[in-house]
Amino acid sequence: MKAHVYVTLKTSVLDPQGQTIQNALRKIGFTGVDGVRQGKYFVLSLAKGLTLEAAKAEVERVAREVLTNPVIEEYTYRIEE
């Protein structure tokens, strides 16, 4: 199984890198983009034999305790078998 973890800044946190990307897109003619939020993407290869429930618990713990700063970031994930 693999877990795909997406980490982004909370919507209440300013995203200067996302704003810079949005401004650059506008300058080169992409006028249909109203906003950009940047983030991080991780692919975790999970140990063989984990149940789906155990995999979810492991991914949530890794995401919460290692991959994110819970004060300013949030995460989502999906698991593929």
C-alpha atoms as a PDB file:
ATOM      1  CA  MET A   1       0.000   0.000   0.000  1.00  0.00           C
ATOM      2  CA  LYS A   2       1.004   3.580  -0.547  1.00  0.00           C
ATOM      3  CA  ALA A   3      -0.245   6.686   1.186  1.00  0.00           C
ATOM      4  CA  HIS A   4      -0.348  10.038  -0.564  1.00  0.00           C
ATOM      5  CA  VAL A   5      -0.200  12.858   1.991  1.00  0.00           C
ATOM      6  CA  TYR A   6      -0.932  16.475   1.073  1.00  0.00           C
ATOM      7  CA  VAL A   7       0.115  19.207   3.502  1.00  0.00           C
ATOM      8  CA  THR A   8      -1.086  22.779   3.048  1.00  0.00           C
ATOM      9  CA  LEU A   9      -1.168  25.944   5.069  1.00  0.00           C
ATOM     10  CA  LYS A  10      -4.406  26.527   6.930  1.00  0.00           C
ATOM     11  CA  THR A  11      -6.705  28.943   5.112  1.00  0.00           C
ATOM     12  CA  SER A  12      -6.268  31.446   7.956  1.00  0.00           C
ATOM     13  CA  VAL A  13      -2.484  31.582   7.322  1.00  0.00           C
ATOM     14  CA  LEU A  14      -1.089  33.895   4.659  1.00  0.00           C
ATOM     15  CA  ASP A  15       0.677  32.112   1.795  1.00  0.00           C
ATOM     16  CA  PRO A  16       3.256  34.483   0.272  1.00  0.00           C
ATOM     17  CA  GLN A  17       4.697  31.792  -2.004  1.00  0.00           C
ATOM     18  CA  GLY A  18       1.238  31.003  -3.355  1.00  0.00           C
ATOM     19  CA  GLN A  19       0.621  34.719  -3.920  1.00  0.00           C
ATOM     20  CA  THR A  20       3.924  35.024  -5.807  1.00  0.00           C
ATOM     21  CA  ILE A  21       2.951  32.092  -8.025  1.00  0.00           C
ATOM     22  CA  GLN A  22      -0.470  33.616  -8.680  1.00  0.00           C
ATOM     23  CA  ASN A  23       1.114  36.952  -9.624  1.00  0.00           C
ATOM     24  CA  ALA A  24       3.541  35.204 -11.972  1.00  0.00           C
ATOM     25  CA  LEU A  25       0.703  33.294 -13.620  1.00  0.00           C
ATOM     26  CA  ARG A  26      -1.225  36.516 -14.171  1.00  0.00           C
ATOM     27  CA  LYS A  27       1.844  38.190 -15.715  1.00  0.00           C
ATOM     28  CA  ILE A  28       2.273  35.408 -18.257  1.00  0.00           C
ATOM     29  CA  GLY A  29      -1.364  35.412 -19.274  1.00  0.00           C
ATOM     30  CA  PHE A  30      -3.160  32.919 -17.041  1.00  0.00           C
ATOM     31  CA  THR A  31      -6.042  35.177 -16.056  1.00  0.00           C
ATOM     32  CA  GLY A  32      -8.434  32.386 -15.074  1.00  0.00           C
ATOM     33  CA  VAL A  33      -6.629  31.557 -11.810  1.00  0.00           C
ATOM     34  CA  ASP A  34      -8.044  33.439  -8.821  1.00  0.00           C
ATOM     35  CA  GLY A  35      -5.776  31.997  -6.150  1.00  0.00           C
ATOM     36  CA  VAL A  36      -2.875  29.665  -5.450  1.00  0.00           C
ATOM     37  CA  ARG A  37      -2.053  27.853  -2.220  1.00  0.00           C
ATOM     38  CA  GLN A  38       1.220  25.954  -2.200  1.00  0.00           C
ATOM     39  CA  GLY A  39       1.984  22.905  -0.129  1.00  0.00           C
ATOM     40  CA  LYS A  40       3.953  19.697   0.253  1.00  0.00           C
ATOM     41  CA  TYR A  41       3.292  16.215  -1.117  1.00  0.00           C
ATOM     42  CA  PHE A  42       4.593  12.967   0.336  1.00  0.00           C
ATOM     43  CA  VAL A  43       4.297   9.354  -0.810  1.00  0.00           C
ATOM     44  CA  LEU A  44       4.668   6.822   1.992  1.00  0.00           C
ATOM     45  CA  SER A  45       5.273   3.164   1.150  1.00  0.00           C
ATOM     46  CA  LEU A  46       3.529   1.220   3.880  1.00  0.00           C
ATOM     47  CA  ALA A  47       4.650  -2.087   5.367  1.00  0.00           C
ATOM     48  CA  LYS A  48       3.171  -5.235   3.905  1.00  0.00           C
ATOM     49  CA  GLY A  49       0.544  -6.892   6.034  1.00  0.00           C
ATOM     50  CA  LEU A  50      -0.977  -3.719   7.498  1.00  0.00           C
ATOM     51  CA  THR A  51      -4.741  -3.690   7.565  1.00  0.00           C
ATOM     52  CA  LEU A  52      -6.438  -0.667   6.065  1.00  0.00           C
ATOM     53  CA  GLU A  53      -7.400   0.563   9.536  1.00  0.00           C
ATOM     54  CA  ALA A  54      -3.818   0.151  10.819  1.00  0.00           C
ATOM     55  CA  ALA A  55      -2.498   1.919   7.721  1.00  0.00           C
ATOM     56  CA  LYS A  56      -4.864   4.847   8.284  1.00  0.00           C
ATOM     57  CA  ALA A  57      -3.807   5.124  11.920  1.00  0.00           C
ATOM     58  CA  GLU A  58      -0.114   5.020  10.984  1.00  0.00           C
ATOM     59  CA  VAL A  59      -0.471   7.633   8.233  1.00  0.00           C
ATOM     60  CA  GLU A  60      -2.494   9.956  10.441  1.00  0.00           C
ATOM     61  CA  ARG A  61       0.104   9.714  13.195  1.00  0.00           C
ATOM     62  CA  VAL A  62       3.025  10.354  10.827  1.00  0.00           C
ATOM     63  CA  ALA A  63       1.204  13.275   9.201  1.00  0.00           C
ATOM     64  CA  ARG A  64       0.169  14.803  12.512  1.00  0.00           C
ATOM     65  CA  GLU A  65       3.431  14.293  14.419  1.00  0.00           C
ATOM     66  CA  VAL A  66       6.112  14.562  11.731  1.00  0.00           C
ATOM     67  CA  LEU A  67       4.969  15.996   8.404  1.00  0.00           C
ATOM     68  CA  THR A  68       2.942  18.987   9.572  1.00  0.00           C
ATOM     69  CA  ASN A  69       3.210  21.904  11.909  1.00  0.00           C
ATOM     70  CA  PRO A  70      -0.304  21.726  13.397  1.00  0.00           C
ATOM     71  CA  VAL A  71      -0.283  25.401  14.322  1.00  0.00           C
ATOM     72  CA  ILE A  72      -0.188  26.566  10.693  1.00  0.00           C
ATOM     73  CA  GLU A  73      -0.682  23.476   8.511  1.00  0.00           C
ATOM     74  CA  GLU A  74      -3.322  20.856   7.831  1.00  0.00           C
ATOM     75  CA  TYR A  75      -3.194  17.598   5.928  1.00  0.00           C
ATOM     76  CA  THR A  76      -5.274  15.219   3.879  1.00  0.00           C
ATOM     77  CA  TYR A  77      -4.325  11.818   2.594  1.00  0.00           C
ATOM     78  CA  ARG A  78      -5.451   8.921   0.486  1.00  0.00           C
ATOM     79  CA  ILE A  79      -4.331   5.320   0.607  1.00  0.00           C
ATOM     80  CA  GLU A  80      -4.032   3.128  -2.465  1.00  0.00           C
ATOM     81  CA  GLU A  81      -3.758  -0.600  -2.202  1.00  0.00           C
END
